[in-house]
Amino acid sequence: MSSNTIPSVDKKIFGDPQKDTSPHALRELLEKNLKWSHLIFEQNRRILRIAVLILLVVGFTVGLSTLVLIKSSFFSAIFK
């Protein structure tokens, strides 16, 4: 940075260069990170559940359609 910048502006833009490493601050940071990790995990679990349900529905539909087509062609060949 240039030498003519104002220190208070630098702190507002870039943050305070000295980090609080007290046990209380580290514990708060850890709890916050665990909370966000848990929220992201739950969101991913819901997305995965929806994706699996969609795949099951598509697979069931394709399988049922194939079965109906095979049976209809089989019975139409028998009863001609």
C-alpha atoms as a PDB file:
ATOM      1  CA  MET A   1       0.000   0.000   0.000  1.00  0.00           C
ATOM      2  CA  SER A   2       1.115   3.522  -0.509  1.00  0.00           C
ATOM      3  CA  SER A   3       2.438   5.586   2.357  1.00  0.00           C
ATOM      4  CA  ASN A   4      -0.246   8.274   2.074  1.00  0.00           C
ATOM      5  CA  THR A   5      -3.205   6.043   3.013  1.00  0.00           C
ATOM      6  CA  ILE A   6      -5.118   6.602   6.216  1.00  0.00           C
ATOM      7  CA  PRO A   7      -4.735   3.692   8.696  1.00  0.00           C
ATOM      8  CA  SER A   8      -8.387   3.758   9.806  1.00  0.00           C
ATOM      9  CA  VAL A   9      -9.536   3.374   6.181  1.00  0.00           C
ATOM     10  CA  ASP A  10      -7.127   0.467   5.708  1.00  0.00           C
ATOM     11  CA  LYS A  11      -8.600  -1.283   8.752  1.00  0.00           C
ATOM     12  CA  LYS A  12     -12.143  -0.833   7.438  1.00  0.00           C
ATOM     13  CA  ILE A  13     -11.278  -2.208   4.015  1.00  0.00           C
ATOM     14  CA  PHE A  14      -8.770  -4.935   4.855  1.00  0.00           C
ATOM     15  CA  GLY A  15      -9.727  -5.778   8.419  1.00  0.00           C
ATOM     16  CA  ASP A  16      -7.689  -5.461  11.553  1.00  0.00           C
ATOM     17  CA  PRO A  17      -4.317  -7.122  10.983  1.00  0.00           C
ATOM     18  CA  GLN A  18      -4.192  -8.392  14.566  1.00  0.00           C
ATOM     19  CA  LYS A  19      -6.471 -11.393  15.038  1.00  0.00           C
ATOM     20  CA  ASP A  20      -8.064 -12.207  18.365  1.00  0.00           C
ATOM     21  CA  THR A  21      -6.585 -15.572  19.319  1.00  0.00           C
ATOM     22  CA  SER A  22      -8.043 -15.807  22.782  1.00  0.00           C
ATOM     23  CA  PRO A  23      -9.605 -19.178  23.712  1.00  0.00           C
ATOM     24  CA  HIS A  24     -13.057 -17.599  23.823  1.00  0.00           C
ATOM     25  CA  ALA A  25     -12.709 -16.144  20.298  1.00  0.00           C
ATOM     26  CA  LEU A  26     -11.359 -19.417  18.935  1.00  0.00           C
ATOM     27  CA  ARG A  27     -14.225 -21.326  20.550  1.00  0.00           C
ATOM     28  CA  GLU A  28     -16.778 -18.952  18.996  1.00  0.00           C
ATOM     29  CA  LEU A  29     -15.125 -19.341  15.607  1.00  0.00           C
ATOM     30  CA  LEU A  30     -15.145 -23.122  15.925  1.00  0.00           C
ATOM     31  CA  GLU A  31     -18.814 -23.172  16.962  1.00  0.00           C
ATOM     32  CA  LYS A  32     -19.741 -20.902  14.065  1.00  0.00           C
ATOM     33  CA  ASN A  33     -17.849 -23.088  11.603  1.00  0.00           C
ATOM     34  CA  LEU A  34     -19.466 -26.239  12.974  1.00  0.00           C
ATOM     35  CA  LYS A  35     -22.901 -24.643  12.677  1.00  0.00           C
ATOM     36  CA  TRP A  36     -22.306 -23.713   9.035  1.00  0.00           C
ATOM     37  CA  SER A  37     -20.864 -27.154   8.283  1.00  0.00           C
ATOM     38  CA  HIS A  38     -23.946 -28.778   9.777  1.00  0.00           C
ATOM     39  CA  LEU A  39     -26.284 -26.534   7.771  1.00  0.00           C
ATOM     40  CA  ILE A  40     -24.433 -27.310   4.537  1.00  0.00           C
ATOM     41  CA  PHE A  41     -24.477 -31.035   5.339  1.00  0.00           C
ATOM     42  CA  GLU A  42     -28.244 -30.971   5.917  1.00  0.00           C
ATOM     43  CA  GLN A  43     -28.817 -29.037   2.695  1.00  0.00           C
ATOM     44  CA  ASN A  44     -26.719 -31.514   0.707  1.00  0.00           C
ATOM     45  CA  ARG A  45     -28.597 -34.404   2.304  1.00  0.00           C
ATOM     46  CA  ARG A  46     -31.945 -32.925   1.230  1.00  0.00           C
ATOM     47  CA  ILE A  47     -30.657 -32.358  -2.313  1.00  0.00           C
ATOM     48  CA  LEU A  48     -29.385 -35.937  -2.488  1.00  0.00           C
ATOM     49  CA  ARG A  49     -32.706 -37.296  -1.224  1.00  0.00           C
ATOM     50  CA  ILE A  50     -34.601 -35.364  -3.908  1.00  0.00           C
ATOM     51  CA  ALA A  51     -32.166 -36.547  -6.608  1.00  0.00           C
ATOM     52  CA  VAL A  52     -32.583 -40.179  -5.544  1.00  0.00           C
ATOM     53  CA  LEU A  53     -36.375 -39.861  -5.569  1.00  0.00           C
ATOM     54  CA  ILE A  54     -36.292 -38.341  -9.063  1.00  0.00           C
ATOM     55  CA  LEU A  55     -34.055 -41.163 -10.309  1.00  0.00           C
ATOM     56  CA  LEU A  56     -36.388 -43.752  -8.774  1.00  0.00           C
ATOM     57  CA  VAL A  57     -39.426 -42.202 -10.445  1.00  0.00           C
ATOM     58  CA  VAL A  58     -37.683 -42.001 -13.824  1.00  0.00           C
ATOM     59  CA  GLY A  59     -36.423 -45.586 -13.513  1.00  0.00           C
ATOM     60  CA  PHE A  60     -39.852 -46.857 -12.513  1.00  0.00           C
ATOM     61  CA  THR A  61     -41.480 -45.020 -15.423  1.00  0.00           C
ATOM     62  CA  VAL A  62     -38.987 -46.363 -17.961  1.00  0.00           C
ATOM     63  CA  GLY A  63     -39.282 -49.880 -16.586  1.00  0.00           C
ATOM     64  CA  LEU A  64     -43.074 -49.800 -16.551  1.00  0.00           C
ATOM     65  CA  SER A  65     -43.201 -48.384 -20.070  1.00  0.00           C
ATOM     66  CA  THR A  66     -40.863 -51.087 -21.317  1.00  0.00           C
ATOM     67  CA  LEU A  67     -42.919 -53.781 -19.625  1.00  0.00           C
ATOM     68  CA  VAL A  68     -46.164 -52.456 -21.129  1.00  0.00           C
ATOM     69  CA  LEU A  69     -44.631 -52.292 -24.608  1.00  0.00           C
ATOM     70  CA  ILE A  70     -43.249 -55.833 -24.372  1.00  0.00           C
ATOM     71  CA  LYS A  71     -46.518 -57.264 -23.075  1.00  0.00           C
ATOM     72  CA  SER A  72     -48.634 -55.441 -25.646  1.00  0.00           C
ATOM     73  CA  SER A  73     -46.443 -56.638 -28.518  1.00  0.00           C
ATOM     74  CA  PHE A  74     -46.455 -60.183 -27.074  1.00  0.00           C
ATOM     75  CA  PHE A  75     -50.245 -60.326 -26.758  1.00  0.00           C
ATOM     76  CA  SER A  76     -50.816 -58.742 -30.145  1.00  0.00           C
ATOM     77  CA  ALA A  77     -48.641 -61.453 -31.732  1.00  0.00           C
ATOM     78  CA  ILE A  78     -50.592 -64.239 -29.943  1.00  0.00           C
ATOM     79  CA  PHE A  79     -54.109 -63.013 -30.717  1.00  0.00           C
ATOM     80  CA  LYS A  80     -53.684 -62.220 -34.417  1.00  0.00           C
END
